[in-house]
Amino acid sequence: MLRGGWVVIIIATILGVLGAVAVTLLTTPLYQASTRLFVSTTSGSSLADRYQGNRLSQERVISYAELLMGETLAQHTIDKLGLDMDAAELQANVQANAIPDTVLINVQVRDPSPVRARDIANTMSDEFVAMVRKLETPENGVTPDARVVVEQRASIPSQPVVPATMRNLAIGLAFGLLAGVGIATLRDLLDNTVKSREVLEEITGVGLVGSIPLDKERRKQVSIAFESDNSPTAEAFRKLRTNLKFLAVDSPPRVIVFTSSNPSEGKSTTAINTALALAEADHNVVLIDGDMRRPTLAKYLDLVGPVGFSTVLSGGAELSEALQTTRFPGLSVLTAGSIPPNPSELLGSQSARRLLAELRERFDYVVVDSTPLLAVTDAAVLAAGADAVLIMAHFGQVKREQLAHAVGSLERVGAPLRGAVFSMMPMRGRASYGYGYGYYGPDTPQRGPRREVAAQTDATPGPAPRRGGNSRQAPAEAGEPVSGRRRRGE
């Protein structure tokens, strides 16, 4: 939670420190001048008399401290110095403290002017000495029992005591840090997005078959060159390829549809690189762009777009004419073709089912990149005729109710949902960079964190075969189908 909310915590901490700086700059500096008074009482010559006199002095200093902060003394000081303030203002800036177990009183006076602070402290002390003399002298004029002496006079202070810059900064730092942690905690508690394997599997009802880490490079180049790429992202797709055979051990799926709840969840990128990973393992793979509303494969793979899936379904071209070979060995692509006025009806036709069956006979794997389920019904129509459907979930972005609604759309048509894939999954922090496309608007870069290796399923892939030389005669991975051409002895 703290890793995910580090931005909020840092911003709150900075704001707390800036607030402390603002308070410090806006606070009027105050200088403090101090005097110290000594209280004594008349005592006899015996030890008991001296002890009694000392106790009497200690008792008096508490009352004297209150008199020092009283209105009468404040007004006398104002009149003596001719200050432009009332008694209440002066009282607010005077503090007198009796030192415990002593006969001493400390007097502190604060004022914006260091010179005036000194003058007020000294004048107030002198006026207090006179006041005590008047209060303690009996009416018959005999010597008073107690007297006060100014033991230490005030000097001009050199540094202000207000504002306390370091204290303010420490308080601002602590307050900002606590506020940031509190906001991050609250946001995490209120967050309704999917960010854990347990939540994903609970909503979809299927296991997690892959976790694709966030990769900035995929915005520049969607396809991965598996022959030479051993990056964490490439390894994640190899693991996804291996996990596909565990979706149905007796009959591994060969027609696989990739879909998602919303646009920009990385399904097109995942479909492309899953197909490439399968082709790397020496399989004959066809990749179909089943998104006839916002096709992307032609752009991502530098292919011809106008002739493709829709063209074959409408009878405008033969399958052999629409299939395009790519620069990647073992991978053919059937682009979306021209955008039809009725994609859902076209995809749900008998022609579409026959075409998928024909491709299933000709290729080891048929990978279909379909539309988002919450945007249109095209993906659900395609998914009904597939061997397996994999639903993408953008880590920390897709909401739980969105994913649940998408899964419900698949269940209503009887689509074989076999697994879920986390896309753009960081190991720490929240998404700050991503890839994808805006479904009905211009492409908008997504934000997500730095690339990290994502946690994968428990299945451990075997070593991936490499192309080169006589690689087409290499045996297929365990549990994976043999191509139609090899079945015919070609």
Protein backbone atom coordinates (compact mmCIF):
# COMPACT_ATOMS: atom_id res chain seq x y z
CA MET A 1 0.00 0.00 0.00
CA LEU A 2 2.81 2.43 0.86
CA ARG A 3 4.67 1.57 -2.35
CA GLY A 4 1.51 2.16 -4.32
CA GLY A 5 0.84 5.52 -2.65
CA TRP A 6 4.38 6.88 -2.58
CA VAL A 7 3.47 9.77 -4.87
CA VAL A 8 0.66 10.91 -2.55
CA ILE A 9 2.91 10.56 0.50
CA ILE A 10 5.69 12.62 -1.08
CA ILE A 11 3.27 15.33 -2.25
CA ALA A 12 1.64 15.55 1.18
CA THR A 13 5.04 15.72 2.88
CA ILE A 14 6.19 18.49 0.54
CA LEU A 15 2.97 20.42 1.14
CA GLY A 16 3.43 20.03 4.90
CA VAL A 17 6.97 21.41 4.73
CA LEU A 18 5.88 24.24 2.42
CA GLY A 19 3.08 25.07 4.84
CA ALA A 20 5.59 25.23 7.68
CA VAL A 21 7.81 27.51 5.59
CA ALA A 22 4.83 29.78 4.82
CA VAL A 23 3.86 29.98 8.50
CA THR A 24 7.46 30.78 9.42
CA LEU A 25 7.74 33.55 6.82
CA LEU A 26 4.37 35.08 7.72
CA THR A 27 5.00 35.06 11.50
CA THR A 28 6.21 38.37 12.96
CA PRO A 29 9.61 37.83 14.64
CA LEU A 30 9.56 38.31 18.41
CA TYR A 31 12.63 38.97 20.59
CA GLN A 32 12.75 37.85 24.21
CA ALA A 33 14.45 39.75 27.05
CA SER A 34 14.73 38.19 30.51
CA THR A 35 15.29 39.43 34.07
CA ARG A 36 15.62 37.48 37.31
CA LEU A 37 14.26 38.61 40.67
CA PHE A 38 15.38 37.55 44.13
CA VAL A 39 12.84 37.41 46.98
CA SER A 40 13.97 37.62 50.62
CA THR A 41 12.23 37.92 53.98
CA THR A 42 13.31 39.16 57.43
CA SER A 43 14.46 36.31 59.65
CA GLY A 44 15.84 35.95 63.13
CA SER A 45 19.29 34.84 64.19
CA SER A 46 18.37 31.29 65.10
CA LEU A 47 18.44 28.39 62.66
CA ALA A 48 14.70 27.87 63.03
CA ASP A 49 14.01 31.54 62.26
CA ARG A 50 16.15 31.43 59.13
CA TYR A 51 14.43 28.25 57.96
CA GLN A 52 11.03 29.80 58.56
CA GLY A 53 12.06 32.92 56.65
CA ASN A 54 13.25 30.86 53.68
CA ARG A 55 9.95 28.92 53.59
CA LEU A 56 8.05 32.20 53.68
CA SER A 57 10.06 33.52 50.72
CA GLN A 58 9.36 30.38 48.68
CA GLU A 59 5.66 30.71 49.35
CA ARG A 60 5.68 34.36 48.36
CA VAL A 61 7.37 33.85 44.96
CA ILE A 62 4.28 32.01 43.64
CA SER A 63 2.07 34.98 44.45
CA TYR A 64 4.67 37.41 43.13
CA ALA A 65 4.79 35.57 39.78
CA GLU A 66 1.05 36.11 39.40
CA LEU A 67 1.41 39.80 40.23
CA LEU A 68 4.12 40.16 37.58
CA MET A 69 1.64 39.04 34.91
CA GLY A 70 -1.21 41.16 36.26
CA GLU A 71 -2.95 44.10 34.66
CA THR A 72 -1.84 46.64 37.29
CA LEU A 73 1.89 46.14 36.73
CA ALA A 74 1.36 46.06 32.96
CA GLN A 75 -0.41 49.41 33.03
CA HIS A 76 2.29 50.96 35.26
CA THR A 77 4.95 49.81 32.76
CA ILE A 78 3.00 51.21 29.79
CA ASP A 79 2.61 54.58 31.55
CA LYS A 80 6.29 54.68 32.49
CA LEU A 81 7.55 53.94 28.96
CA GLY A 82 4.69 55.60 27.05
CA LEU A 83 3.98 52.45 25.02
CA ASP A 84 1.36 52.45 22.27
CA MET A 85 -0.54 49.37 23.52
CA ASP A 86 -3.07 48.42 26.16
CA ALA A 87 -2.48 46.35 29.28
CA ALA A 88 -3.96 43.18 27.75
CA GLU A 89 -1.51 43.27 24.82
CA LEU A 90 1.43 43.61 27.16
CA GLN A 91 0.14 40.87 29.47
CA ALA A 92 0.00 38.47 26.50
CA ASN A 93 3.75 38.93 25.96
CA VAL A 94 4.88 38.61 29.61
CA GLN A 95 5.67 35.33 31.33
CA ALA A 96 6.83 35.01 34.96
CA ASN A 97 7.89 31.64 36.42
CA ALA A 98 8.84 30.84 39.98
CA ILE A 99 11.81 28.46 39.97
CA PRO A 100 10.82 25.44 42.14
CA ASP A 101 12.45 25.15 45.57
CA THR A 102 14.11 28.56 45.21
CA VAL A 103 13.29 32.21 45.94
CA LEU A 104 13.98 33.24 42.33
CA ILE A 105 11.54 34.44 39.68
CA ASN A 106 12.33 34.52 35.95
CA VAL A 107 10.57 37.17 33.90
CA GLN A 108 10.46 36.96 30.08
CA VAL A 109 9.13 39.71 27.83
CA ARG A 110 8.61 39.31 24.09
CA ASP A 111 8.35 42.14 21.60
CA PRO A 112 8.97 42.70 17.88
CA SER A 113 11.72 45.19 18.85
CA PRO A 114 14.73 43.79 20.75
CA VAL A 115 15.45 47.18 22.36
CA ARG A 116 11.87 47.63 23.51
CA ALA A 117 11.80 44.08 24.85
CA ARG A 118 14.80 44.90 27.04
CA ASP A 119 13.31 48.20 28.20
CA ILE A 120 9.96 46.62 29.06
CA ALA A 121 11.62 43.79 31.03
CA ASN A 122 13.83 46.15 33.05
CA THR A 123 11.10 48.72 33.66
CA MET A 124 8.58 46.06 34.68
CA SER A 125 11.07 44.59 37.15
CA ASP A 126 11.78 48.00 38.65
CA GLU A 127 8.08 48.76 38.91
CA PHE A 128 7.48 45.42 40.55
CA VAL A 129 10.16 46.07 43.17
CA ALA A 130 8.39 49.33 44.02
CA MET A 131 4.99 47.59 44.06
CA VAL A 132 6.20 44.88 46.47
CA ARG A 133 7.75 47.50 48.73
CA LYS A 134 4.42 49.32 48.84
CA LEU A 135 2.40 46.15 49.40
CA GLU A 136 4.67 44.66 52.06
CA THR A 137 5.27 47.86 54.09
CA PRO A 138 2.89 48.08 57.10
CA GLU A 139 0.83 51.24 57.68
CA ASN A 140 2.98 52.23 60.66
CA GLY A 141 5.98 52.50 58.31
CA VAL A 142 8.15 49.83 59.91
CA THR A 143 10.54 47.72 57.81
CA PRO A 144 8.61 45.27 55.56
CA ASP A 145 8.95 41.54 56.16
CA ALA A 146 9.76 40.83 52.48
CA ARG A 147 11.60 42.55 49.72
CA VAL A 148 12.44 41.92 46.03
CA VAL A 149 15.76 42.64 44.35
CA VAL A 150 16.51 42.64 40.60
CA GLU A 151 19.28 40.04 40.63
CA GLN A 152 19.82 40.06 36.83
CA ARG A 153 18.82 42.80 34.44
CA ALA A 154 17.85 42.26 30.81
CA SER A 155 20.12 42.87 27.83
CA ILE A 156 19.29 43.39 24.16
CA PRO A 157 18.53 39.94 22.58
CA SER A 158 20.42 39.18 19.36
CA GLN A 159 18.16 36.48 17.85
CA PRO A 160 14.36 36.20 17.70
CA VAL A 161 12.72 33.32 19.58
CA VAL A 162 9.64 33.42 17.34
CA PRO A 163 9.23 31.88 14.81
CA ALA A 164 10.97 28.63 15.76
CA THR A 165 12.05 27.70 12.24
CA MET A 166 13.41 24.22 12.89
CA ARG A 167 10.48 23.27 15.10
CA ASN A 168 7.98 24.47 12.48
CA LEU A 169 9.74 22.51 9.75
CA ALA A 170 9.81 19.37 11.90
CA ILE A 171 6.09 19.71 12.67
CA GLY A 172 5.28 20.35 9.00
CA LEU A 173 7.33 17.34 7.91
CA ALA A 174 5.69 15.05 10.47
CA PHE A 175 2.18 16.34 9.73
CA GLY A 176 2.66 16.02 5.96
CA LEU A 177 4.07 12.51 6.29
CA LEU A 178 1.22 11.36 8.52
CA ALA A 179 -1.36 13.00 6.24
CA GLY A 180 0.18 11.33 3.18
CA VAL A 181 0.15 7.90 4.81
CA GLY A 182 -3.43 8.48 5.92
CA ILE A 183 -4.56 9.50 2.44
CA ALA A 184 -2.73 6.56 0.86
CA THR A 185 -4.34 4.18 3.35
CA LEU A 186 -7.81 5.61 2.77
CA ARG A 187 -7.38 5.49 -0.99
CA ASP A 188 -6.25 1.89 -0.80
CA LEU A 189 -9.28 0.96 1.32
CA LEU A 190 -11.64 2.70 -1.10
CA ASP A 191 -9.88 1.39 -4.22
CA ASN A 192 -12.21 -0.82 -6.25
CA THR A 193 -9.70 -1.89 -8.88
CA VAL A 194 -8.23 -5.37 -9.34
CA LYS A 195 -4.71 -5.59 -7.96
CA SER A 196 -4.32 -9.11 -6.65
CA ARG A 197 -4.39 -12.62 -8.02
CA GLU A 198 -6.97 -13.70 -5.45
CA VAL A 199 -9.46 -10.99 -6.46
CA LEU A 200 -8.90 -11.65 -10.17
CA GLU A 201 -9.49 -15.39 -9.83
CA GLU A 202 -12.51 -14.85 -7.56
CA ILE A 203 -14.24 -12.56 -10.07
CA THR A 204 -13.39 -14.49 -13.23
CA GLY A 205 -13.77 -17.98 -11.75
CA VAL A 206 -10.64 -19.13 -13.58
CA GLY A 207 -6.94 -19.23 -12.79
CA LEU A 208 -4.27 -16.68 -13.57
CA VAL A 209 -2.32 -18.01 -16.55
CA GLY A 210 0.03 -15.07 -17.11
CA SER A 211 1.27 -11.79 -15.74
CA ILE A 212 2.76 -9.38 -18.25
CA PRO A 213 5.09 -6.80 -16.71
CA LEU A 214 4.92 -3.15 -17.60
CA ASP A 215 7.30 -2.33 -20.45
CA LYS A 216 7.84 1.14 -21.90
CA GLU A 217 9.47 -0.30 -24.98
CA ARG A 218 6.21 -1.86 -26.09
CA ARG A 219 4.86 1.57 -27.01
CA LYS A 220 7.69 2.04 -29.45
CA GLN A 221 7.72 -1.53 -30.78
CA VAL A 222 4.75 -3.76 -29.97
CA SER A 223 6.21 -7.03 -31.23
CA ILE A 224 9.06 -8.78 -29.45
CA ALA A 225 11.92 -10.39 -31.35
CA PHE A 226 11.91 -13.65 -29.39
CA GLU A 227 14.91 -15.05 -31.26
CA SER A 228 17.19 -12.55 -29.55
CA ASP A 229 15.13 -11.12 -26.68
CA ASN A 230 15.48 -12.59 -23.20
CA SER A 231 13.99 -9.64 -21.35
CA PRO A 232 11.54 -10.12 -18.44
CA THR A 233 8.68 -9.23 -20.78
CA ALA A 234 9.71 -11.86 -23.33
CA GLU A 235 10.03 -14.47 -20.58
CA ALA A 236 6.55 -13.58 -19.32
CA PHE A 237 5.09 -14.34 -22.74
CA ARG A 238 7.05 -17.61 -22.93
CA LYS A 239 5.55 -18.62 -19.60
CA LEU A 240 2.09 -17.69 -20.87
CA ARG A 241 2.74 -19.86 -23.95
CA THR A 242 3.71 -22.80 -21.77
CA ASN A 243 0.73 -22.35 -19.47
CA LEU A 244 -1.68 -22.54 -22.40
CA LYS A 245 -1.28 -26.31 -22.56
CA PHE A 246 -2.47 -26.62 -18.97
CA LEU A 247 -5.81 -24.96 -19.73
CA ALA A 248 -7.09 -28.34 -20.93
CA VAL A 249 -4.51 -31.10 -20.55
CA ASP A 250 -6.31 -33.70 -22.68
CA SER A 251 -7.14 -31.26 -25.48
CA PRO A 252 -5.05 -28.08 -25.42
CA PRO A 253 -6.89 -25.13 -26.99
CA ARG A 254 -5.92 -24.17 -30.49
CA VAL A 255 -8.38 -21.35 -31.23
CA ILE A 256 -7.66 -18.74 -28.56
CA VAL A 257 -9.52 -15.43 -28.26
CA PHE A 258 -8.03 -12.52 -26.32
CA THR A 259 -10.47 -9.97 -24.95
CA SER A 260 -10.75 -7.47 -22.10
CA SER A 261 -13.31 -5.43 -20.21
CA ASN A 262 -12.20 -2.00 -21.47
CA PRO A 263 -9.98 -0.56 -24.18
CA SER A 264 -6.30 0.04 -23.43
CA GLU A 265 -5.81 -3.10 -21.33
CA GLY A 266 -3.05 -4.44 -23.57
CA LYS A 267 -4.95 -7.28 -25.26
CA SER A 268 -3.67 -6.49 -28.78
CA THR A 269 -0.07 -6.40 -27.58
CA THR A 270 -0.60 -9.61 -25.63
CA ALA A 271 -2.26 -11.37 -28.58
CA ILE A 272 0.58 -10.38 -30.93
CA ASN A 273 3.36 -11.51 -28.62
CA THR A 274 1.60 -14.68 -27.55
CA ALA A 275 1.34 -15.60 -31.22
CA LEU A 276 5.01 -14.78 -31.70
CA ALA A 277 5.95 -16.85 -28.64
CA LEU A 278 4.01 -19.81 -30.06
CA ALA A 279 5.73 -19.34 -33.43
CA GLU A 280 9.10 -19.26 -31.67
CA ALA A 281 8.35 -22.74 -30.30
CA ASP A 282 8.22 -23.99 -33.91
CA HIS A 283 4.44 -23.87 -34.30
CA ASN A 284 2.53 -22.69 -37.33
CA VAL A 285 0.40 -19.78 -36.05
CA VAL A 286 -2.16 -17.46 -37.58
CA LEU A 287 -3.06 -14.20 -35.88
CA ILE A 288 -6.51 -12.72 -36.64
CA ASP A 289 -7.59 -9.15 -36.06
CA GLY A 290 -11.15 -9.68 -34.83
CA ASP A 291 -11.61 -6.00 -33.99
CA MET A 292 -13.46 -4.72 -37.05
CA ARG A 293 -14.27 -1.40 -35.41
CA ARG A 294 -10.81 -0.26 -34.38
CA PRO A 295 -8.32 -2.60 -36.09
CA THR A 296 -4.69 -2.37 -34.99
CA LEU A 297 -2.72 -5.40 -36.17
CA ALA A 298 -2.04 -4.01 -39.67
CA LYS A 299 -0.51 -0.90 -38.14
CA TYR A 300 1.47 -2.74 -35.46
CA LEU A 301 2.91 -5.33 -37.87
CA ASP A 302 3.27 -3.14 -40.99
CA LEU A 303 0.78 -5.12 -43.07
CA VAL A 304 -1.85 -4.33 -45.68
CA GLY A 305 -5.11 -3.52 -43.96
CA PRO A 306 -7.97 -3.21 -46.52
CA VAL A 307 -8.10 -6.94 -47.37
CA GLY A 308 -8.62 -9.30 -44.45
CA PHE A 309 -11.14 -10.97 -42.15
CA SER A 310 -14.18 -8.93 -43.19
CA THR A 311 -13.27 -9.29 -46.88
CA VAL A 312 -13.18 -13.09 -46.67
CA LEU A 313 -16.43 -13.28 -44.65
CA SER A 314 -18.25 -11.09 -47.15
CA GLY A 315 -16.97 -13.17 -50.09
CA GLY A 316 -14.79 -10.43 -51.50
CA ALA A 317 -11.61 -12.53 -51.41
CA GLU A 318 -10.41 -16.05 -50.80
CA LEU A 319 -8.66 -16.93 -47.55
CA SER A 320 -5.41 -17.67 -49.36
CA GLU A 321 -5.53 -14.19 -50.89
CA ALA A 322 -6.20 -12.43 -47.58
CA LEU A 323 -3.62 -14.25 -45.45
CA GLN A 324 -0.36 -12.33 -45.14
CA THR A 325 3.02 -13.69 -44.18
CA THR A 326 5.14 -11.67 -41.80
CA ARG A 327 8.81 -11.13 -41.19
CA PHE A 328 8.48 -13.52 -38.24
CA PRO A 329 8.94 -17.20 -39.20
CA GLY A 330 5.89 -19.33 -38.57
CA LEU A 331 3.45 -16.43 -38.16
CA SER A 332 0.73 -15.51 -40.65
CA VAL A 333 -1.77 -12.70 -40.11
CA LEU A 334 -5.34 -12.14 -41.20
CA THR A 335 -5.98 -8.44 -40.75
CA ALA A 336 -9.43 -7.03 -40.03
CA GLY A 337 -10.00 -5.86 -43.58
CA SER A 338 -12.26 -2.96 -44.42
CA ILE A 339 -14.59 -1.86 -41.61
CA PRO A 340 -18.10 -3.25 -42.25
CA PRO A 341 -21.35 -1.59 -41.16
CA ASN A 342 -22.43 -4.68 -39.19
CA PRO A 343 -19.40 -6.29 -37.47
CA SER A 344 -21.40 -8.25 -34.86
CA GLU A 345 -23.63 -9.92 -37.46
CA LEU A 346 -20.65 -10.70 -39.66
CA LEU A 347 -18.68 -12.28 -36.80
CA GLY A 348 -21.69 -14.32 -35.67
CA SER A 349 -22.40 -15.74 -39.14
CA GLN A 350 -21.89 -19.31 -40.27
CA SER A 351 -19.20 -18.05 -42.61
CA ALA A 352 -17.16 -16.91 -39.62
CA ARG A 353 -17.50 -20.31 -37.93
CA ARG A 354 -16.48 -22.13 -41.11
CA LEU A 355 -13.53 -19.81 -41.57
CA LEU A 356 -12.28 -20.42 -38.01
CA ALA A 357 -12.69 -24.18 -38.55
CA GLU A 358 -10.69 -23.99 -41.76
CA LEU A 359 -7.92 -22.01 -40.08
CA ARG A 360 -7.91 -24.51 -37.23
CA GLU A 361 -7.18 -27.28 -39.73
CA ARG A 362 -4.43 -25.36 -41.48
CA PHE A 363 -2.58 -24.00 -38.44
CA ASP A 364 -1.40 -25.27 -35.09
CA TYR A 365 -2.78 -22.24 -33.30
CA VAL A 366 -5.35 -19.57 -34.20
CA VAL A 367 -4.93 -16.46 -32.03
CA VAL A 368 -7.71 -13.88 -32.24
CA ASP A 369 -7.45 -10.29 -31.04
CA SER A 370 -11.05 -9.23 -30.36
CA THR A 371 -12.84 -6.15 -29.03
CA PRO A 372 -13.41 -5.04 -25.43
CA LEU A 373 -16.46 -6.75 -23.96
CA LEU A 374 -17.98 -3.66 -22.35
CA ALA A 375 -17.71 -1.60 -25.53
CA VAL A 376 -19.42 -3.90 -28.06
CA THR A 377 -20.67 -7.49 -28.34
CA ASP A 378 -18.19 -8.57 -31.04
CA ALA A 379 -15.83 -10.31 -28.60
CA ALA A 380 -18.61 -12.37 -27.03
CA VAL A 381 -19.77 -13.50 -30.49
CA LEU A 382 -16.25 -14.58 -31.46
CA ALA A 383 -15.58 -16.16 -28.07
CA ALA A 384 -18.56 -18.50 -28.41
CA GLY A 385 -16.82 -20.37 -31.23
CA ALA A 386 -13.34 -20.52 -29.67
CA ASP A 387 -11.56 -23.31 -27.80
CA ALA A 388 -10.46 -20.93 -25.07
CA VAL A 389 -10.96 -17.30 -24.10
CA LEU A 390 -8.34 -15.37 -22.15
CA ILE A 391 -9.52 -12.17 -20.51
CA MET A 392 -7.03 -9.37 -19.91
CA ALA A 393 -7.08 -7.31 -16.70
CA HIS A 394 -5.10 -4.08 -16.53
CA PHE A 395 -3.45 -4.21 -13.11
CA GLY A 396 -4.76 -1.48 -10.83
CA GLN A 397 -6.97 0.04 -13.54
CA VAL A 398 -9.90 -2.24 -14.33
CA LYS A 399 -12.64 -2.03 -11.71
CA ARG A 400 -14.10 -5.11 -10.11
CA GLU A 401 -17.62 -4.48 -11.35
CA GLN A 402 -16.33 -3.91 -14.89
CA LEU A 403 -14.49 -7.22 -14.89
CA ALA A 404 -17.49 -9.02 -13.38
CA HIS A 405 -19.79 -7.57 -16.04
CA ALA A 406 -17.37 -8.65 -18.80
CA VAL A 407 -17.20 -12.19 -17.41
CA GLY A 408 -21.00 -12.25 -17.28
CA SER A 409 -21.13 -11.34 -20.99
CA LEU A 410 -18.98 -14.39 -21.79
CA GLU A 411 -21.03 -16.69 -19.58
CA ARG A 412 -24.29 -15.64 -21.24
CA VAL A 413 -23.09 -16.83 -24.65
CA GLY A 414 -21.46 -19.99 -23.27
CA ALA A 415 -17.93 -18.88 -24.16
CA PRO A 416 -15.15 -21.13 -22.79
CA LEU A 417 -13.36 -18.73 -20.46
CA ARG A 418 -10.21 -20.62 -19.54
CA GLY A 419 -7.91 -18.11 -17.93
CA ALA A 420 -7.11 -14.53 -16.94
CA VAL A 421 -3.99 -12.51 -17.69
CA PHE A 422 -2.72 -9.54 -15.71
CA SER A 423 -1.35 -6.88 -18.06
CA MET A 424 0.94 -3.94 -17.30
CA MET A 425 1.66 -5.36 -13.88
CA PRO A 426 4.28 -3.61 -11.74
CA MET A 427 6.02 -5.14 -8.77
CA ARG A 428 5.85 -1.88 -6.82
CA GLY A 429 4.17 1.49 -7.14
CA ARG A 430 1.11 2.38 -9.18
CA ALA A 431 0.85 2.48 -12.94
CA SER A 432 2.49 5.60 -14.34
CA TYR A 433 3.13 4.46 -17.88
CA GLY A 434 1.36 2.03 -20.17
CA TYR A 435 0.48 1.16 -23.71
CA GLY A 436 -2.75 0.53 -25.54
CA TYR A 437 -5.14 2.48 -27.70
CA GLY A 438 -8.20 4.63 -27.24
CA TYR A 439 -11.10 2.60 -28.57
CA TYR A 440 -13.33 5.33 -29.97
CA GLY A 441 -10.90 8.22 -29.80
CA PRO A 442 -7.31 9.11 -30.65
CA ASP A 443 -4.52 7.09 -29.14
CA THR A 444 -3.75 8.34 -25.66
CA PRO A 445 -0.60 7.28 -23.85
CA GLN A 446 -1.35 5.69 -20.52
CA ARG A 447 0.68 6.25 -17.43
CA GLY A 448 2.26 3.48 -15.38
CA PRO A 449 5.42 2.67 -13.38
CA ARG A 450 8.76 1.44 -14.51
CA ARG A 451 9.01 -2.05 -15.97
CA GLU A 452 9.19 -4.74 -13.36
CA VAL A 453 9.14 -8.51 -13.51
CA ALA A 454 5.64 -9.67 -12.63
CA ALA A 455 4.72 -12.66 -10.53
CA GLN A 456 3.81 -15.62 -12.67
CA THR A 457 1.74 -18.72 -12.19
CA ASP A 458 3.19 -21.78 -10.52
CA ALA A 459 3.66 -23.53 -13.87
CA THR A 460 7.31 -23.52 -14.90
CA PRO A 461 8.02 -23.42 -18.61
CA GLY A 462 10.62 -25.57 -20.21
CA PRO A 463 13.44 -24.14 -22.30
CA ALA A 464 12.14 -22.44 -25.44
CA PRO A 465 13.45 -23.92 -28.71
CA ARG A 466 15.28 -21.53 -30.98
CA ARG A 467 14.85 -21.13 -34.70
CA GLY A 468 17.62 -21.63 -37.13
CA GLY A 469 19.05 -24.39 -39.26
CA ASN A 470 16.67 -27.34 -39.36
CA SER A 471 14.36 -26.01 -36.64
CA ARG A 472 11.17 -26.94 -38.50
CA GLN A 473 12.00 -30.61 -37.85
CA ALA A 474 12.31 -30.01 -34.09
CA PRO A 475 9.68 -31.80 -31.97
CA ALA A 476 6.76 -29.82 -30.61
CA GLU A 477 6.50 -28.97 -26.92
CA ALA A 478 4.87 -31.61 -24.77
CA GLY A 479 1.12 -31.57 -24.99
CA GLU A 480 1.01 -29.25 -28.00
CA PRO A 481 -0.63 -30.22 -31.33
CA VAL A 482 1.30 -31.04 -34.43
CA SER A 483 0.73 -28.84 -37.43
CA GLY A 484 -1.55 -29.86 -40.26
CA ARG A 485 1.34 -29.81 -42.71
CA ARG A 486 3.38 -32.21 -40.59
CA ARG A 487 0.36 -34.49 -40.15
CA ARG A 488 0.23 -34.75 -43.93
CA GLY A 489 3.93 -35.60 -43.99
CA GLU A 490 5.08 -32.34 -45.46
